[in-house]
Amino acid sequence: MTARVIAEETFNADDYSEELGAAPTNFDVGTKLSFENSSIRVWEVRLKPGERGPFHTHAQRYFWTVVQGGIGRQRSQDGSMITREYSVGDTNYSEHSPQDPWVHDFENFGETDMLFITVELLD
């Protein structure tokens, strides 16, 4: 299952220049670290309507799954912006590394609380 794309747009990266400048050292990929050991990190991503998690860097393989869905907007470092509808059970896997990191933010663009679980694979 994968989230449905609602819109693909661009944004002005200058509006987020300070956050984008700090993003390469921001590895907090969720709003709360729930568990960590030498193999994994488990993050909660919980956002109320209108809340936005700042730009951060994914430098590990990881997957996320939706626990409580809604409408999310994601801006990427390249200036692209995608709005998606997320449903319970939607899951995605991504491969990133320190040599191939990915920088983005995430905003709850809907009218209901959203909750994702993100698991970083450290081994």
PDB file of N, CA and C in Angstrom:
ATOM      1  N   MET A   1       0.842  -1.173   0.000  1.00  0.00           N
ATOM      2  CA  MET A   1       0.000   0.000   0.000  1.00  0.00           C
ATOM      3  C   MET A   1       0.888   1.236   0.000  1.00  0.00           C
ATOM      4  N   THR A   2       0.495   2.192  -0.762  1.00  0.00           N
ATOM      5  CA  THR A   2       1.273   3.418  -0.824  1.00  0.00           C
ATOM      6  C   THR A   2       0.334   4.623  -0.867  1.00  0.00           C
ATOM      7  N   ALA A   3       0.798   5.728  -0.370  1.00  0.00           N
ATOM      8  CA  ALA A   3      -0.017   6.942  -0.291  1.00  0.00           C
ATOM      9  C   ALA A   3      -0.360   7.457  -1.689  1.00  0.00           C
ATOM     10  N   ARG A   4      -1.519   8.071  -1.812  1.00  0.00           N
ATOM     11  CA  ARG A   4      -1.996   8.616  -3.085  1.00  0.00           C
ATOM     12  C   ARG A   4      -1.528  10.055  -3.232  1.00  0.00           C
ATOM     13  N   VAL A   5      -0.874  10.347  -4.351  1.00  0.00           N
ATOM     14  CA  VAL A   5      -0.406  11.709  -4.632  1.00  0.00           C
ATOM     15  C   VAL A   5      -1.598  12.578  -5.009  1.00  0.00           C
ATOM     16  N   ILE A   6      -1.730  13.718  -4.343  1.00  0.00           N
ATOM     17  CA  ILE A   6      -2.801  14.682  -4.613  1.00  0.00           C
ATOM     18  C   ILE A   6      -2.280  15.816  -5.490  1.00  0.00           C
ATOM     19  N   ALA A   7      -1.054  16.290  -5.203  1.00  0.00           N
ATOM     20  CA  ALA A   7      -0.492  17.411  -5.964  1.00  0.00           C
ATOM     21  C   ALA A   7       1.030  17.339  -5.942  1.00  0.00           C
ATOM     22  N   GLU A   8       1.640  17.755  -7.048  1.00  0.00           N
ATOM     23  CA  GLU A   8       3.094  17.896  -7.140  1.00  0.00           C
ATOM     24  C   GLU A   8       3.371  19.334  -7.553  1.00  0.00           C
ATOM     25  N   GLU A   9       4.125  20.039  -6.696  1.00  0.00           N
ATOM     26  CA  GLU A   9       4.378  21.453  -6.909  1.00  0.00           C
ATOM     27  C   GLU A   9       5.834  21.759  -6.589  1.00  0.00           C
ATOM     28  N   THR A  10       6.169  23.026  -6.555  1.00  0.00           N
ATOM     29  CA  THR A  10       7.481  23.475  -6.105  1.00  0.00           C
ATOM     30  C   THR A  10       7.277  24.512  -4.999  1.00  0.00           C
ATOM     31  N   PHE A  11       8.346  24.818  -4.285  1.00  0.00           N
ATOM     32  CA  PHE A  11       8.299  25.836  -3.243  1.00  0.00           C
ATOM     33  C   PHE A  11       9.582  26.645  -3.315  1.00  0.00           C
ATOM     34  N   ASN A  12       9.585  27.799  -2.677  1.00  0.00           N
ATOM     35  CA  ASN A  12      10.756  28.668  -2.654  1.00  0.00           C
ATOM     36  C   ASN A  12      11.656  28.250  -1.487  1.00  0.00           C
ATOM     37  N   ALA A  13      12.771  27.614  -1.804  1.00  0.00           N
ATOM     38  CA  ALA A  13      13.688  27.134  -0.768  1.00  0.00           C
ATOM     39  C   ALA A  13      14.246  28.268   0.076  1.00  0.00           C
ATOM     40  N   ASP A  14      14.292  29.486  -0.458  1.00  0.00           N
ATOM     41  CA  ASP A  14      14.788  30.628   0.318  1.00  0.00           C
ATOM     42  C   ASP A  14      13.932  30.872   1.564  1.00  0.00           C
ATOM     43  N   ASP A  15      12.655  30.501   1.503  1.00  0.00           N
ATOM     44  CA  ASP A  15      11.768  30.670   2.660  1.00  0.00           C
ATOM     45  C   ASP A  15      12.171  29.771   3.828  1.00  0.00           C
ATOM     46  N   TYR A  16      12.974  28.744   3.560  1.00  0.00           N
ATOM     47  CA  TYR A  16      13.381  27.769   4.576  1.00  0.00           C
ATOM     48  C   TYR A  16      14.900  27.676   4.671  1.00  0.00           C
ATOM     49  N   SER A  17      15.607  28.729   4.279  1.00  0.00           N
ATOM     50  CA  SER A  17      17.065  28.666   4.168  1.00  0.00           C
ATOM     51  C   SER A  17      17.747  28.306   5.488  1.00  0.00           C
ATOM     52  N   GLU A  18      17.260  28.841   6.588  1.00  0.00           N
ATOM     53  CA  GLU A  18      17.890  28.535   7.883  1.00  0.00           C
ATOM     54  C   GLU A  18      17.742  27.053   8.228  1.00  0.00           C
ATOM     55  N   GLU A  19      16.527  26.524   8.064  1.00  0.00           N
ATOM     56  CA  GLU A  19      16.292  25.104   8.336  1.00  0.00           C
ATOM     57  C   GLU A  19      17.080  24.216   7.395  1.00  0.00           C
ATOM     58  N   LEU A  20      17.097  24.567   6.120  1.00  0.00           N
ATOM     59  CA  LEU A  20      17.839  23.768   5.139  1.00  0.00           C
ATOM     60  C   LEU A  20      19.331  23.788   5.454  1.00  0.00           C
ATOM     61  N   GLY A  21      19.834  24.899   5.959  1.00  0.00           N
ATOM     62  CA  GLY A  21      21.229  24.980   6.352  1.00  0.00           C
ATOM     63  C   GLY A  21      21.562  24.069   7.517  1.00  0.00           C
ATOM     64  N   ALA A  22      20.606  23.891   8.431  1.00  0.00           N
ATOM     65  CA  ALA A  22      20.814  23.045   9.607  1.00  0.00           C
ATOM     66  C   ALA A  22      20.486  21.576   9.342  1.00  0.00           C
ATOM     67  N   ALA A  23      19.754  21.294   8.290  1.00  0.00           N
ATOM     68  CA  ALA A  23      19.262  19.939   8.019  1.00  0.00           C
ATOM     69  C   ALA A  23      20.352  18.869   7.922  1.00  0.00           C
ATOM     70  N   PRO A  24      21.527  19.144   7.352  1.00  0.00           N
ATOM     71  CA  PRO A  24      22.535  18.089   7.252  1.00  0.00           C
ATOM     72  C   PRO A  24      22.991  17.518   8.597  1.00  0.00           C
ATOM     73  N   THR A  25      22.752  18.231   9.683  1.00  0.00           N
ATOM     74  CA  THR A  25      23.116  17.716  11.009  1.00  0.00           C
ATOM     75  C   THR A  25      21.889  17.384  11.858  1.00  0.00           C
ATOM     76  N   ASN A  26      20.703  17.479  11.265  1.00  0.00           N
ATOM     77  CA  ASN A  26      19.470  17.124  11.976  1.00  0.00           C
ATOM     78  C   ASN A  26      19.042  15.729  11.527  1.00  0.00           C
ATOM     79  N   PHE A  27      19.318  14.733  12.358  1.00  0.00           N
ATOM     80  CA  PHE A  27      18.978  13.348  12.054  1.00  0.00           C
ATOM     81  C   PHE A  27      17.750  12.879  12.826  1.00  0.00           C
ATOM     82  N   ASP A  28      17.004  13.822  13.419  1.00  0.00           N
ATOM     83  CA  ASP A  28      15.762  13.482  14.117  1.00  0.00           C
ATOM     84  C   ASP A  28      14.675  13.311  13.062  1.00  0.00           C
ATOM     85  N   VAL A  29      14.426  12.063  12.679  1.00  0.00           N
ATOM     86  CA  VAL A  29      13.496  11.780  11.582  1.00  0.00           C
ATOM     87  C   VAL A  29      12.061  11.610  12.067  1.00  0.00           C
ATOM     88  N   GLY A  30      11.818  11.898  13.325  1.00  0.00           N
ATOM     89  CA  GLY A  30      10.476  11.833  13.892  1.00  0.00           C
ATOM     90  C   GLY A  30      10.317  12.865  14.983  1.00  0.00           C
ATOM     91  N   THR A  31       9.139  12.851  15.597  1.00  0.00           N
ATOM     92  CA  THR A  31       8.872  13.800  16.671  1.00  0.00           C
ATOM     93  C   THR A  31       9.252  13.238  18.043  1.00  0.00           C
ATOM     94  N   LYS A  32       9.414  11.902  18.124  1.00  0.00           N
ATOM     95  CA  LYS A  32       9.796  11.280  19.396  1.00  0.00           C
ATOM     96  C   LYS A  32      10.528   9.970  19.107  1.00  0.00           C
ATOM     97  N   LEU A  33      11.695   9.812  19.714  1.00  0.00           N
ATOM     98  CA  LEU A  33      12.433   8.560  19.615  1.00  0.00           C
ATOM     99  C   LEU A  33      11.856   7.585  20.635  1.00  0.00           C
ATOM    100  N   SER A  34      11.272   6.496  20.163  1.00  0.00           N
ATOM    101  CA  SER A  34      10.602   5.542  21.053  1.00  0.00           C
ATOM    102  C   SER A  34      11.508   4.409  21.513  1.00  0.00           C
ATOM    103  N   PHE A  35      12.466   4.021  20.662  1.00  0.00           N
ATOM    104  CA  PHE A  35      13.335   2.884  20.983  1.00  0.00           C
ATOM    105  C   PHE A  35      14.595   2.980  20.147  1.00  0.00           C
ATOM    106  N   GLU A  36      15.713   2.561  20.746  1.00  0.00           N
ATOM    107  CA  GLU A  36      16.972   2.527  19.999  1.00  0.00           C
ATOM    108  C   GLU A  36      17.870   1.436  20.559  1.00  0.00           C
ATOM    109  N   ASN A  37      18.506   0.687  19.645  1.00  0.00           N
ATOM    110  CA  ASN A  37      19.572  -0.225  20.028  1.00  0.00           C
ATOM    111  C   ASN A  37      20.612  -0.197  18.904  1.00  0.00           C
ATOM    112  N   SER A  38      21.515  -1.142  18.868  1.00  0.00           N
ATOM    113  CA  SER A  38      22.578  -1.096  17.858  1.00  0.00           C
ATOM    114  C   SER A  38      22.083  -1.437  16.453  1.00  0.00           C
ATOM    115  N   SER A  39      20.864  -1.950  16.328  1.00  0.00           N
ATOM    116  CA  SER A  39      20.338  -2.359  15.023  1.00  0.00           C
ATOM    117  C   SER A  39      19.279  -1.438  14.444  1.00  0.00           C
ATOM    118  N   ILE A  40      18.447  -0.838  15.320  1.00  0.00           N
ATOM    119  CA  ILE A  40      17.329  -0.018  14.828  1.00  0.00           C
ATOM    120  C   ILE A  40      17.089   1.201  15.708  1.00  0.00           C
ATOM    121  N   ARG A  41      16.415   2.176  15.135  1.00  0.00           N
ATOM    122  CA  ARG A  41      15.822   3.297  15.865  1.00  0.00           C
ATOM    123  C   ARG A  41      14.359   3.346  15.459  1.00  0.00           C
ATOM    124  N   VAL A  42      13.470   3.435  16.449  1.00  0.00           N
ATOM    125  CA  VAL A  42      12.038   3.521  16.180  1.00  0.00           C
ATOM    126  C   VAL A  42      11.560   4.905  16.585  1.00  0.00           C
ATOM    127  N   TRP A  43      10.992   5.614  15.594  1.00  0.00           N
ATOM    128  CA  TRP A  43      10.512   6.978  15.788  1.00  0.00           C
ATOM    129  C   TRP A  43       9.009   7.040  15.673  1.00  0.00           C
ATOM    130  N   GLU A  44       8.414   7.907  16.437  1.00  0.00           N
ATOM    131  CA  GLU A  44       7.015   8.287  16.283  1.00  0.00           C
ATOM    132  C   GLU A  44       7.010   9.622  15.534  1.00  0.00           C
ATOM    133  N   VAL A  45       6.145   9.728  14.548  1.00  0.00           N
ATOM    134  CA  VAL A  45       5.942  10.992  13.838  1.00  0.00           C
ATOM    135  C   VAL A  45       4.479  11.361  14.070  1.00  0.00           C
ATOM    136  N   ARG A  46       4.255  12.257  15.010  1.00  0.00           N
ATOM    137  CA  ARG A  46       2.892  12.654  15.394  1.00  0.00           C
ATOM    138  C   ARG A  46       2.745  14.154  15.153  1.00  0.00           C
ATOM    139  N   LEU A  47       1.787  14.513  14.270  1.00  0.00           N
ATOM    140  CA  LEU A  47       1.563  15.918  13.948  1.00  0.00           C
ATOM    141  C   LEU A  47       0.078  16.242  13.990  1.00  0.00           C
ATOM    142  N   LYS A  48      -0.238  17.337  14.631  1.00  0.00           N
ATOM    143  CA  LYS A  48      -1.604  17.860  14.634  1.00  0.00           C
ATOM    144  C   LYS A  48      -1.823  18.653  13.339  1.00  0.00           C
ATOM    145  N   PRO A  49      -3.073  18.924  12.989  1.00  0.00           N
ATOM    146  CA  PRO A  49      -3.332  19.713  11.783  1.00  0.00           C
ATOM    147  C   PRO A  49      -2.542  21.028  11.799  1.00  0.00           C
ATOM    148  N   GLY A  50      -1.845  21.290  10.696  1.00  0.00           N
ATOM    149  CA  GLY A  50      -1.058  22.508  10.579  1.00  0.00           C
ATOM    150  C   GLY A  50       0.355  22.411  11.122  1.00  0.00           C
ATOM    151  N   GLU A  51       0.664  21.377  11.901  1.00  0.00           N
ATOM    152  CA  GLU A  51       2.023  21.220  12.431  1.00  0.00           C
ATOM    153  C   GLU A  51       2.960  20.718  11.338  1.00  0.00           C
ATOM    154  N   ARG A  52       4.230  21.110  11.475  1.00  0.00           N
ATOM    155  CA  ARG A  52       5.238  20.716  10.498  1.00  0.00           C
ATOM    156  C   ARG A  52       6.507  20.306  11.210  1.00  0.00           C
ATOM    157  N   GLY A  53       7.036  19.169  10.806  1.00  0.00           N
ATOM    158  CA  GLY A  53       8.342  18.754  11.280  1.00  0.00           C
ATOM    159  C   GLY A  53       9.402  19.414  10.421  1.00  0.00           C
ATOM    160  N   PRO A  54      10.495  19.906  11.000  1.00  0.00           N
ATOM    161  CA  PRO A  54      11.491  20.659  10.241  1.00  0.00           C
ATOM    162  C   PRO A  54      12.255  19.782   9.252  1.00  0.00           C
ATOM    163  N   PHE A  55      12.995  20.449   8.371  1.00  0.00           N
ATOM    164  CA  PHE A  55      13.860  19.724   7.452  1.00  0.00           C
ATOM    165  C   PHE A  55      14.858  18.907   8.262  1.00  0.00           C
ATOM    166  N   HIS A  56      15.060  17.675   7.829  1.00  0.00           N
ATOM    167  CA  HIS A  56      15.966  16.751   8.494  1.00  0.00           C
ATOM    168  C   HIS A  56      16.583  15.834   7.444  1.00  0.00           C
ATOM    169  N   THR A  57      17.569  15.072   7.854  1.00  0.00           N
ATOM    170  CA  THR A  57      18.306  14.221   6.931  1.00  0.00           C
ATOM    171  C   THR A  57      18.108  12.750   7.256  1.00  0.00           C
ATOM    172  N   HIS A  58      17.784  11.993   6.225  1.00  0.00           N
ATOM    173  CA  HIS A  58      17.768  10.525   6.308  1.00  0.00           C
ATOM    174  C   HIS A  58      19.105  10.040   5.755  1.00  0.00           C
ATOM    175  N   ALA A  59      19.885   9.394   6.593  1.00  0.00           N
ATOM    176  CA  ALA A  59      21.183   8.861   6.179  1.00  0.00           C
ATOM    177  C   ALA A  59      21.272   7.365   6.477  1.00  0.00           C
ATOM    178  N   GLN A  60      20.108   6.732   6.663  1.00  0.00           N
ATOM    179  CA  GLN A  60      20.017   5.293   6.932  1.00  0.00           C
ATOM    180  C   GLN A  60      18.894   4.704   6.077  1.00  0.00           C
ATOM    181  N   ARG A  61      18.965   3.406   5.864  1.00  0.00           N
ATOM    182  CA  ARG A  61      17.803   2.722   5.282  1.00  0.00           C
ATOM    183  C   ARG A  61      16.694   2.822   6.318  1.00  0.00           C
ATOM    184  N   TYR A  62      15.445   2.959   5.863  1.00  0.00           N
ATOM    185  CA  TYR A  62      14.341   3.064   6.814  1.00  0.00           C
ATOM    186  C   TYR A  62      13.021   2.711   6.144  1.00  0.00           C
ATOM    187  N   PHE A  63      12.029   2.467   6.984  1.00  0.00           N
ATOM    188  CA  PHE A  63      10.667   2.344   6.478  1.00  0.00           C
ATOM    189  C   PHE A  63       9.735   3.045   7.440  1.00  0.00           C
ATOM    190  N   TRP A  64       8.595   3.453   6.909  1.00  0.00           N
ATOM    191  CA  TRP A  64       7.542   4.043   7.734  1.00  0.00           C
ATOM    192  C   TRP A  64       6.234   3.351   7.420  1.00  0.00           C
ATOM    193  N   THR A  65       5.334   3.398   8.398  1.00  0.00           N
ATOM    194  CA  THR A  65       3.982   2.906   8.196  1.00  0.00           C
ATOM    195  C   THR A  65       3.017   3.860   8.882  1.00  0.00           C
ATOM    196  N   VAL A  66       1.847   4.010   8.289  1.00  0.00           N
ATOM    197  CA  VAL A  66       0.852   4.956   8.789  1.00  0.00           C
ATOM    198  C   VAL A  66      -0.038   4.269   9.819  1.00  0.00           C
ATOM    199  N   VAL A  67      -0.130   4.871  10.997  1.00  0.00           N
ATOM    200  CA  VAL A  67      -1.016   4.389  12.061  1.00  0.00           C
ATOM    201  C   VAL A  67      -2.314   5.189  12.061  1.00  0.00           C
ATOM    202  N   GLN A  68      -2.201   6.479  11.813  1.00  0.00           N
ATOM    203  CA  GLN A  68      -3.362   7.371  11.725  1.00  0.00           C
ATOM    204  C   GLN A  68      -3.128   8.287  10.527  1.00  0.00           C
ATOM    205  N   GLY A  69      -3.946   8.140   9.501  1.00  0.00           N
ATOM    206  CA  GLY A  69      -3.714   8.811   8.228  1.00  0.00           C
ATOM    207  C   GLY A  69      -4.226  10.234   8.160  1.00  0.00           C
ATOM    208  N   GLY A  70      -4.083  10.811   6.977  1.00  0.00           N
ATOM    209  CA  GLY A  70      -4.515  12.181   6.722  1.00  0.00           C
ATOM    210  C   GLY A  70      -3.844  12.715   5.477  1.00  0.00           C
ATOM    211  N   ILE A  71      -3.785  14.026   5.373  1.00  0.00           N
ATOM    212  CA  ILE A  71      -3.156  14.693   4.230  1.00  0.00           C
ATOM    213  C   ILE A  71      -1.818  15.256   4.680  1.00  0.00           C
ATOM    214  N   GLY A  72      -0.753  14.856   4.006  1.00  0.00           N
ATOM    215  CA  GLY A  72       0.582  15.315   4.350  1.00  0.00           C
ATOM    216  C   GLY A  72       1.249  16.012   3.188  1.00  0.00           C
ATOM    217  N   ARG A  73       2.046  17.002   3.513  1.00  0.00           N
ATOM    218  CA  ARG A  73       2.806  17.743   2.505  1.00  0.00           C
ATOM    219  C   ARG A  73       4.280  17.616   2.850  1.00  0.00           C
ATOM    220  N   GLN A  74       5.071  17.296   1.836  1.00  0.00           N
ATOM    221  CA  GLN A  74       6.503  17.089   2.020  1.00  0.00           C
ATOM    222  C   GLN A  74       7.281  17.951   1.044  1.00  0.00           C
ATOM    223  N   ARG A  75       8.207  18.722   1.587  1.00  0.00           N
ATOM    224  CA  ARG A  75       9.103  19.534   0.770  1.00  0.00           C
ATOM    225  C   ARG A  75      10.466  18.877   0.784  1.00  0.00           C
ATOM    226  N   SER A  76      11.096  18.787  -0.384  1.00  0.00           N
ATOM    227  CA  SER A  76      12.431  18.199  -0.495  1.00  0.00           C
ATOM    228  C   SER A  76      13.448  19.286  -0.799  1.00  0.00           C
ATOM    229  N   GLN A  77      14.691  18.979  -0.507  1.00  0.00           N
ATOM    230  CA  GLN A  77      15.791  19.929  -0.655  1.00  0.00           C
ATOM    231  C   GLN A  77      15.901  20.471  -2.084  1.00  0.00           C
ATOM    232  N   ASP A  78      15.440  19.710  -3.066  1.00  0.00           N
ATOM    233  CA  ASP A  78      15.553  20.134  -4.467  1.00  0.00           C
ATOM    234  C   ASP A  78      14.478  21.138  -4.892  1.00  0.00           C
ATOM    235  N   GLY A  79      13.589  21.529  -3.959  1.00  0.00           N
ATOM    236  CA  GLY A  79      12.543  22.498  -4.271  1.00  0.00           C
ATOM    237  C   GLY A  79      11.214  21.877  -4.669  1.00  0.00           C
ATOM    238  N   SER A  80      11.149  20.553  -4.691  1.00  0.00           N
ATOM    239  CA  SER A  80       9.878  19.894  -5.017  1.00  0.00           C
ATOM    240  C   SER A  80       9.007  19.782  -3.769  1.00  0.00           C
ATOM    241  N   MET A  81       7.709  19.759  -3.984  1.00  0.00           N
ATOM    242  CA  MET A  81       6.747  19.646  -2.893  1.00  0.00           C
ATOM    243  C   MET A  81       5.630  18.699  -3.349  1.00  0.00           C
ATOM    244  N   ILE A  82       5.357  17.682  -2.538  1.00  0.00           N
ATOM    245  CA  ILE A  82       4.336  16.697  -2.870  1.00  0.00           C
ATOM    246  C   ILE A  82       3.325  16.634  -1.734  1.00  0.00           C
ATOM    247  N   THR A  83       2.044  16.667  -2.096  1.00  0.00           N
ATOM    248  CA  THR A  83       0.962  16.502  -1.132  1.00  0.00           C
ATOM    249  C   THR A  83       0.332  15.143  -1.403  1.00  0.00           C
ATOM    250  N   ARG A  84       0.182  14.356  -0.320  1.00  0.00           N
ATOM    251  CA  ARG A  84      -0.343  13.001  -0.458  1.00  0.00           C
ATOM    252  C   ARG A  84      -1.460  12.750   0.547  1.00  0.00           C
ATOM    253  N   GLU A  85      -2.312  11.820   0.208  1.00  0.00           N
ATOM    254  CA  GLU A  85      -3.312  11.315   1.139  1.00  0.00           C
ATOM    255  C   GLU A  85      -2.798   9.986   1.670  1.00  0.00           C
ATOM    256  N   TYR A  86      -2.629   9.906   2.992  1.00  0.00           N
ATOM    257  CA  TYR A  86      -2.095   8.727   3.650  1.00  0.00           C
ATOM    258  C   TYR A  86      -3.233   7.979   4.347  1.00  0.00           C
ATOM    259  N   SER A  87      -3.257   6.663   4.161  1.00  0.00           N
ATOM    260  CA  SER A  87      -4.265   5.816   4.788  1.00  0.00           C
ATOM    261  C   SER A  87      -3.595   4.859   5.756  1.00  0.00           C
ATOM    262  N   VAL A  88      -4.340   4.414   6.760  1.00  0.00           N
ATOM    263  CA  VAL A  88      -3.819   3.458   7.738  1.00  0.00           C
ATOM    264  C   VAL A  88      -3.259   2.251   6.991  1.00  0.00           C
ATOM    265  N   GLY A  89      -2.037   1.877   7.349  1.00  0.00           N
ATOM    266  CA  GLY A  89      -1.391   0.723   6.743  1.00  0.00           C
ATOM    267  C   GLY A  89      -0.471   1.060   5.587  1.00  0.00           C
ATOM    268  N   ASP A  90      -0.578   2.273   5.018  1.00  0.00           N
ATOM    269  CA  ASP A  90       0.368   2.655   3.970  1.00  0.00           C
ATOM    270  C   ASP A  90       1.778   2.513   4.533  1.00  0.00           C
ATOM    271  N   THR A  91       2.666   1.930   3.740  1.00  0.00           N
ATOM    272  CA  THR A  91       4.032   1.671   4.182  1.00  0.00           C
ATOM    273  C   THR A  91       4.986   1.954   3.024  1.00  0.00           C
ATOM    274  N   ASN A  92       6.163   2.469   3.358  1.00  0.00           N
ATOM    275  CA  ASN A  92       7.160   2.759   2.333  1.00  0.00           C
ATOM    276  C   ASN A  92       8.547   2.444   2.873  1.00  0.00           C
ATOM    277  N   TYR A  93       9.408   1.931   2.012  1.00  0.00           N
ATOM    278  CA  TYR A  93      10.801   1.633   2.346  1.00  0.00           C
ATOM    279  C   TYR A  93      11.698   2.503   1.476  1.00  0.00           C
ATOM    280  N   SER A  94      12.753   3.093   2.063  1.00  0.00           N
ATOM    281  CA  SER A  94      13.701   3.925   1.322  1.00  0.00           C
ATOM    282  C   SER A  94      15.121   3.564   1.715  1.00  0.00           C
ATOM    283  N   GLU A  95      16.007   3.603   0.739  1.00  0.00           N
ATOM    284  CA  GLU A  95      17.419   3.335   1.001  1.00  0.00           C
ATOM    285  C   GLU A  95      18.212   4.618   0.879  1.00  0.00           C
ATOM    286  N   HIS A  96      18.789   5.036   1.989  1.00  0.00           N
ATOM    287  CA  HIS A  96      19.665   6.200   2.013  1.00  0.00           C
ATOM    288  C   HIS A  96      20.889   5.841   2.843  1.00  0.00           C
ATOM    289  N   SER A  97      21.924   6.639   2.715  1.00  0.00           N
ATOM    290  CA  SER A  97      23.170   6.384   3.435  1.00  0.00           C
ATOM    291  C   SER A  97      23.861   7.726   3.656  1.00  0.00           C
ATOM    292  N   PRO A  98      24.911   7.744   4.465  1.00  0.00           N
ATOM    293  CA  PRO A  98      25.659   8.993   4.618  1.00  0.00           C
ATOM    294  C   PRO A  98      26.202   9.510   3.273  1.00  0.00           C
ATOM    295  N   GLN A  99      26.469   8.606   2.340  1.00  0.00           N
ATOM    296  CA  GLN A  99      26.950   9.007   1.022  1.00  0.00           C
ATOM    297  C   GLN A  99      25.808   9.443   0.105  1.00  0.00           C
ATOM    298  N   ASP A 100      24.584   9.033   0.399  1.00  0.00           N
ATOM    299  CA  ASP A 100      23.410   9.357  -0.422  1.00  0.00           C
ATOM    300  C   ASP A 100      22.242   9.739   0.486  1.00  0.00           C
ATOM    301  N   PRO A 101      22.364  10.867   1.212  1.00  0.00           N
ATOM    302  CA  PRO A 101      21.304  11.258   2.149  1.00  0.00           C
ATOM    303  C   PRO A 101      20.122  11.903   1.424  1.00  0.00           C
ATOM    304  N   TRP A 102      19.002  11.997   2.147  1.00  0.00           N
ATOM    305  CA  TRP A 102      17.818  12.660   1.622  1.00  0.00           C
ATOM    306  C   TRP A 102      17.332  13.657   2.665  1.00  0.00           C
ATOM    307  N   VAL A 103      17.080  14.896   2.234  1.00  0.00           N
ATOM    308  CA  VAL A 103      16.640  15.971   3.126  1.00  0.00           C
ATOM    309  C   VAL A 103      15.221  16.363   2.749  1.00  0.00           C
ATOM    310  N   HIS A 104      14.344  16.426   3.761  1.00  0.00           N
ATOM    311  CA  HIS A 104      12.958  16.854   3.536  1.00  0.00           C
ATOM    312  C   HIS A 104      12.329  17.293   4.846  1.00  0.00           C
ATOM    313  N   ASP A 105      11.148  17.904   4.745  1.00  0.00           N
ATOM    314  CA  ASP A 105      10.331  18.193   5.924  1.00  0.00           C
ATOM    315  C   ASP A 105       9.041  17.415   5.780  1.00  0.00           C
ATOM    316  N   PHE A 106       8.120  17.571   6.730  1.00  0.00           N
ATOM    317  CA  PHE A 106       6.811  16.935   6.624  1.00  0.00           C
ATOM    318  C   PHE A 106       5.808  17.773   7.398  1.00  0.00           C
ATOM    319  N   GLU A 107       4.680  18.059   6.753  1.00  0.00           N
ATOM    320  CA  GLU A 107       3.647  18.909   7.337  1.00  0.00           C
ATOM    321  C   GLU A 107       2.305  18.189   7.296  1.00  0.00           C
ATOM    322  N   ASN A 108       1.563  18.292   8.398  1.00  0.00           N
ATOM    323  CA  ASN A 108       0.191  17.801   8.407  1.00  0.00           C
ATOM    324  C   ASN A 108      -0.649  18.878   7.733  1.00  0.00           C
ATOM    325  N   PHE A 109      -1.065  18.607   6.507  1.00  0.00           N
ATOM    326  CA  PHE A 109      -1.793  19.568   5.698  1.00  0.00           C
ATOM    327  C   PHE A 109      -3.300  19.320   5.755  1.00  0.00           C
ATOM    328  N   GLY A 110      -3.704  18.373   6.609  1.00  0.00           N
ATOM    329  CA  GLY A 110      -5.117  18.010   6.701  1.00  0.00           C
ATOM    330  C   GLY A 110      -5.782  18.556   7.947  1.00  0.00           C
ATOM    331  N   GLU A 111      -6.905  17.946   8.282  1.00  0.00           N
ATOM    332  CA  GLU A 111      -7.732  18.415   9.396  1.00  0.00           C
ATOM    333  C   GLU A 111      -7.798  17.432  10.554  1.00  0.00           C
ATOM    334  N   THR A 112      -7.011  16.353  10.496  1.00  0.00           N
ATOM    335  CA  THR A 112      -6.998  15.360  11.568  1.00  0.00           C
ATOM    336  C   THR A 112      -5.555  15.113  12.006  1.00  0.00           C
ATOM    337  N   ASP A 113      -5.372  14.617  13.224  1.00  0.00           N
ATOM    338  CA  ASP A 113      -4.040  14.243  13.690  1.00  0.00           C
ATOM    339  C   ASP A 113      -3.488  13.129  12.802  1.00  0.00           C
ATOM    340  N   MET A 114      -2.168  13.134  12.615  1.00  0.00           N
ATOM    341  CA  MET A 114      -1.499  12.082  11.856  1.00  0.00           C
ATOM    342  C   MET A 114      -0.477  11.397  12.749  1.00  0.00           C
ATOM    343  N   LEU A 115      -0.314  10.079  12.553  1.00  0.00           N
ATOM    344  CA  LEU A 115       0.681   9.316  13.301  1.00  0.00           C
ATOM    345  C   LEU A 115       1.320   8.289  12.375  1.00  0.00           C
ATOM    346  N   PHE A 116       2.632   8.374  12.271  1.00  0.00           N
ATOM    347  CA  PHE A 116       3.427   7.404  11.523  1.00  0.00           C
ATOM    348  C   PHE A 116       4.412   6.774  12.501  1.00  0.00           C
ATOM    349  N   ILE A 117       4.869   5.567  12.192  1.00  0.00           N
ATOM    350  CA  ILE A 117       5.999   4.966  12.872  1.00  0.00           C
ATOM    351  C   ILE A 117       7.087   4.812  11.813  1.00  0.00           C
ATOM    352  N   THR A 118       8.278   5.334  12.119  1.00  0.00           N
ATOM    353  CA  THR A 118       9.418   5.243  11.214  1.00  0.00           C
ATOM    354  C   THR A 118      10.507   4.420  11.901  1.00  0.00           C
ATOM    355  N   VAL A 119      11.047   3.438  11.188  1.00  0.00           N
ATOM    356  CA  VAL A 119      12.087   2.579  11.726  1.00  0.00           C
ATOM    357  C   VAL A 119      13.333   2.726  10.871  1.00  0.00           C
ATOM    358  N   GLU A 120      14.415   3.202  11.492  1.00  0.00           N
ATOM    359  CA  GLU A 120      15.709   3.286  10.813  1.00  0.00           C
ATOM    360  C   GLU A 120      16.469   1.986  11.054  1.00  0.00           C
ATOM    361  N   LEU A 121      17.042   1.440   9.991  1.00  0.00           N
ATOM    362  CA  LEU A 121      17.820   0.194  10.057  1.00  0.00           C
ATOM    363  C   LEU A 121      19.288   0.571  10.116  1.00  0.00           C
ATOM    364  N   LEU A 122      19.940   0.277  11.239  1.00  0.00           N
ATOM    365  CA  LEU A 122      21.282   0.773  11.489  1.00  0.00           C
ATOM    366  C   LEU A 122      22.391  -0.204  11.120  1.00  0.00           C
ATOM    367  N   ASP A 123      22.060  -1.452  10.909  1.00  0.00           N
ATOM    368  CA  ASP A 123      23.122  -2.433  10.609  1.00  0.00           C
ATOM    369  C   ASP A 123      23.375  -2.586   9.130  1.00  0.00           C
TER     370      ASP A 123
END
